[in-house]
Amino acid sequence: MKLEHDLTCAEVVEIVTEYLEGGLSVLDRDRFEEHLAACRSCMTYLDQMRETISGLGALPQEELSPQLQAELVAAFRNWKAGG
Protein backbone atom coordinates (compact mmCIF):
# COMPACT_ATOMS: atom_id res chain seq x y z
CA MET A 1 0.00 0.00 0.00
CA LYS A 2 1.45 3.38 -1.00
CA LEU A 3 -0.09 6.43 0.62
CA GLU A 4 0.23 9.72 -1.24
CA HIS A 5 -1.03 12.12 1.47
CA ASP A 6 -1.38 12.69 5.19
CA LEU A 7 -3.49 9.98 6.76
CA THR A 8 -7.03 10.44 8.02
CA CYS A 9 -8.28 8.65 11.13
CA ALA A 10 -10.33 6.31 8.92
CA GLU A 11 -7.19 5.35 6.98
CA VAL A 12 -5.30 4.68 10.21
CA VAL A 13 -8.07 2.30 11.33
CA GLU A 14 -7.99 0.63 7.92
CA ILE A 15 -4.24 -0.10 7.97
CA VAL A 16 -3.58 -0.60 11.70
CA THR A 17 -3.23 -4.37 11.31
CA GLU A 18 -0.76 -3.96 8.46
CA TYR A 19 1.20 -1.54 10.67
CA LEU A 20 1.22 -3.94 13.63
CA GLU A 21 2.35 -6.80 11.39
CA GLY A 22 5.21 -4.72 9.95
CA GLY A 23 3.70 -4.69 6.47
CA LEU A 24 3.94 -0.97 5.69
CA SER A 25 6.75 0.57 3.69
CA VAL A 26 9.12 2.83 5.59
CA LEU A 27 7.43 5.91 4.10
CA ASP A 28 3.93 4.71 4.95
CA ARG A 29 5.00 3.67 8.45
CA ASP A 30 6.43 7.15 8.97
CA ARG A 31 3.15 8.74 7.82
CA PHE A 32 1.21 6.42 10.13
CA GLU A 33 3.41 7.35 13.09
CA GLU A 34 3.22 11.07 12.24
CA HIS A 35 -0.57 10.82 12.41
CA LEU A 36 -0.36 9.00 15.75
CA ALA A 37 1.89 11.71 17.16
CA ALA A 38 -0.79 14.32 16.42
CA CYS A 39 -3.95 12.29 17.13
CA ARG A 40 -4.64 11.05 20.63
CA SER A 41 -7.75 9.13 19.47
CA CYS A 42 -5.81 7.05 16.97
CA MET A 43 -3.04 6.43 19.50
CA THR A 44 -5.69 5.15 21.92
CA TYR A 45 -7.13 2.94 19.16
CA LEU A 46 -3.67 1.50 18.43
CA ASP A 47 -3.16 0.77 22.13
CA GLN A 48 -6.56 -0.95 22.28
CA MET A 49 -5.68 -3.08 19.26
CA ARG A 50 -2.39 -4.11 20.85
CA GLU A 51 -4.17 -5.04 24.09
CA THR A 52 -6.81 -7.02 22.20
CA ILE A 53 -4.22 -8.90 20.17
CA SER A 54 -2.21 -9.60 23.29
CA GLY A 55 -5.26 -10.86 25.19
CA LEU A 56 -6.66 -12.94 22.37
CA GLY A 57 -3.24 -14.26 21.48
CA ALA A 58 -3.22 -16.06 24.81
CA LEU A 59 -6.37 -18.02 23.95
CA PRO A 60 -6.23 -21.07 21.73
CA GLN A 61 -8.11 -20.24 18.53
CA GLU A 62 -10.47 -23.19 18.91
CA GLU A 63 -11.90 -21.54 22.04
CA LEU A 64 -13.39 -18.78 19.90
CA SER A 65 -16.58 -19.88 18.21
CA PRO A 66 -17.09 -18.88 14.57
CA GLN A 67 -19.94 -16.62 15.73
CA LEU A 68 -17.70 -14.85 18.26
CA GLN A 69 -14.95 -14.46 15.68
CA ALA A 70 -17.45 -12.88 13.25
CA GLU A 71 -18.77 -10.56 15.97
CA LEU A 72 -15.25 -9.39 16.88
CA VAL A 73 -14.34 -8.74 13.25
CA ALA A 74 -17.60 -6.82 12.72
CA ALA A 75 -17.05 -4.78 15.88
CA PHE A 76 -13.61 -3.63 14.72
CA ARG A 77 -14.79 -2.91 11.19
CA ASN A 78 -17.61 -0.74 12.52
CA TRP A 79 -15.52 1.11 15.10
CA LYS A 80 -15.05 4.74 14.20
CA ALA A 81 -12.12 6.70 15.53
CA GLY A 82 -12.84 10.20 16.68
CA GLY A 83 -10.27 12.77 15.82
C-alpha atoms as a PDB file:
ATOM      1  CA  MET A   1       0.000   0.000   0.000  1.00  0.00           C
ATOM      2  CA  LYS A   2       1.450   3.377  -1.002  1.00  0.00           C
ATOM      3  CA  LEU A   3      -0.089   6.430   0.622  1.00  0.00           C
ATOM      4  CA  GLU A   4       0.233   9.722  -1.236  1.00  0.00           C
ATOM      5  CA  HIS A   5      -1.025  12.123   1.471  1.00  0.00           C
ATOM      6  CA  ASP A   6      -1.378  12.690   5.191  1.00  0.00           C
ATOM      7  CA  LEU A   7      -3.494   9.983   6.763  1.00  0.00           C
ATOM      8  CA  THR A   8      -7.027  10.439   8.019  1.00  0.00           C
ATOM      9  CA  CYS A   9      -8.283   8.655  11.131  1.00  0.00           C
ATOM     10  CA  ALA A  10     -10.326   6.313   8.920  1.00  0.00           C
ATOM     11  CA  GLU A  11      -7.194   5.347   6.983  1.00  0.00           C
ATOM     12  CA  VAL A  12      -5.302   4.677  10.213  1.00  0.00           C
ATOM     13  CA  VAL A  13      -8.066   2.300  11.331  1.00  0.00           C
ATOM     14  CA  GLU A  14      -7.990   0.625   7.915  1.00  0.00           C
ATOM     15  CA  ILE A  15      -4.236  -0.099   7.967  1.00  0.00           C
ATOM     16  CA  VAL A  16      -3.579  -0.596  11.696  1.00  0.00           C
ATOM     17  CA  THR A  17      -3.226  -4.370  11.311  1.00  0.00           C
ATOM     18  CA  GLU A  18      -0.760  -3.958   8.461  1.00  0.00           C
ATOM     19  CA  TYR A  19       1.199  -1.536  10.674  1.00  0.00           C
ATOM     20  CA  LEU A  20       1.219  -3.937  13.629  1.00  0.00           C
ATOM     21  CA  GLU A  21       2.353  -6.801  11.392  1.00  0.00           C
ATOM     22  CA  GLY A  22       5.208  -4.715   9.947  1.00  0.00           C
ATOM     23  CA  GLY A  23       3.700  -4.690   6.468  1.00  0.00           C
ATOM     24  CA  LEU A  24       3.936  -0.974   5.694  1.00  0.00           C
ATOM     25  CA  SER A  25       6.746   0.567   3.688  1.00  0.00           C
ATOM     26  CA  VAL A  26       9.125   2.833   5.592  1.00  0.00           C
ATOM     27  CA  LEU A  27       7.432   5.911   4.103  1.00  0.00           C
ATOM     28  CA  ASP A  28       3.929   4.707   4.948  1.00  0.00           C
ATOM     29  CA  ARG A  29       5.000   3.668   8.449  1.00  0.00           C
ATOM     30  CA  ASP A  30       6.434   7.155   8.969  1.00  0.00           C
ATOM     31  CA  ARG A  31       3.153   8.736   7.823  1.00  0.00           C
ATOM     32  CA  PHE A  32       1.215   6.416  10.129  1.00  0.00           C
ATOM     33  CA  GLU A  33       3.409   7.352  13.088  1.00  0.00           C
ATOM     34  CA  GLU A  34       3.217  11.074  12.239  1.00  0.00           C
ATOM     35  CA  HIS A  35      -0.571  10.824  12.412  1.00  0.00           C
ATOM     36  CA  LEU A  36      -0.365   9.004  15.747  1.00  0.00           C
ATOM     37  CA  ALA A  37       1.886  11.712  17.162  1.00  0.00           C
ATOM     38  CA  ALA A  38      -0.793  14.321  16.422  1.00  0.00           C
ATOM     39  CA  CYS A  39      -3.949  12.286  17.127  1.00  0.00           C
ATOM     40  CA  ARG A  40      -4.641  11.048  20.630  1.00  0.00           C
ATOM     41  CA  SER A  41      -7.753   9.130  19.473  1.00  0.00           C
ATOM     42  CA  CYS A  42      -5.808   7.049  16.971  1.00  0.00           C
ATOM     43  CA  MET A  43      -3.041   6.426  19.505  1.00  0.00           C
ATOM     44  CA  THR A  44      -5.693   5.152  21.924  1.00  0.00           C
ATOM     45  CA  TYR A  45      -7.125   2.942  19.162  1.00  0.00           C
ATOM     46  CA  LEU A  46      -3.672   1.504  18.428  1.00  0.00           C
ATOM     47  CA  ASP A  47      -3.157   0.773  22.132  1.00  0.00           C
ATOM     48  CA  GLN A  48      -6.560  -0.951  22.277  1.00  0.00           C
ATOM     49  CA  MET A  49      -5.684  -3.078  19.256  1.00  0.00           C
ATOM     50  CA  ARG A  50      -2.388  -4.108  20.850  1.00  0.00           C
ATOM     51  CA  GLU A  51      -4.172  -5.045  24.085  1.00  0.00           C
ATOM     52  CA  THR A  52      -6.813  -7.017  22.198  1.00  0.00           C
ATOM     53  CA  ILE A  53      -4.216  -8.897  20.166  1.00  0.00           C
ATOM     54  CA  SER A  54      -2.213  -9.598  23.290  1.00  0.00           C
ATOM     55  CA  GLY A  55      -5.258 -10.865  25.188  1.00  0.00           C
ATOM     56  CA  LEU A  56      -6.657 -12.937  22.367  1.00  0.00           C
ATOM     57  CA  GLY A  57      -3.239 -14.258  21.481  1.00  0.00           C
ATOM     58  CA  ALA A  58      -3.221 -16.061  24.810  1.00  0.00           C
ATOM     59  CA  LEU A  59      -6.370 -18.015  23.948  1.00  0.00           C
ATOM     60  CA  PRO A  60      -6.233 -21.068  21.734  1.00  0.00           C
ATOM     61  CA  GLN A  61      -8.114 -20.241  18.534  1.00  0.00           C
ATOM     62  CA  GLU A  62     -10.469 -23.192  18.914  1.00  0.00           C
ATOM     63  CA  GLU A  63     -11.904 -21.544  22.040  1.00  0.00           C
ATOM     64  CA  LEU A  64     -13.389 -18.785  19.899  1.00  0.00           C
ATOM     65  CA  SER A  65     -16.583 -19.882  18.212  1.00  0.00           C
ATOM     66  CA  PRO A  66     -17.093 -18.880  14.568  1.00  0.00           C
ATOM     67  CA  GLN A  67     -19.937 -16.621  15.730  1.00  0.00           C
ATOM     68  CA  LEU A  68     -17.704 -14.848  18.258  1.00  0.00           C
ATOM     69  CA  GLN A  69     -14.954 -14.460  15.678  1.00  0.00           C
ATOM     70  CA  ALA A  70     -17.451 -12.880  13.247  1.00  0.00           C
ATOM     71  CA  GLU A  71     -18.770 -10.556  15.966  1.00  0.00           C
ATOM     72  CA  LEU A  72     -15.248  -9.393  16.876  1.00  0.00           C
ATOM     73  CA  VAL A  73     -14.339  -8.741  13.253  1.00  0.00           C
ATOM     74  CA  ALA A  74     -17.597  -6.822  12.719  1.00  0.00           C
ATOM     75  CA  ALA A  75     -17.047  -4.782  15.876  1.00  0.00           C
ATOM     76  CA  PHE A  76     -13.611  -3.634  14.723  1.00  0.00           C
ATOM     77  CA  ARG A  77     -14.793  -2.912  11.187  1.00  0.00           C
ATOM     78  CA  ASN A  78     -17.605  -0.739  12.517  1.00  0.00           C
ATOM     79  CA  TRP A  79     -15.523   1.106  15.103  1.00  0.00           C
ATOM     80  CA  LYS A  80     -15.050   4.739  14.198  1.00  0.00           C
ATOM     81  CA  ALA A  81     -12.123   6.703  15.530  1.00  0.00           C
ATOM     82  CA  GLY A  82     -12.837  10.202  16.685  1.00  0.00           C
ATOM     83  CA  GLY A  83     -10.267  12.765  15.823  1.00  0.00           C
END
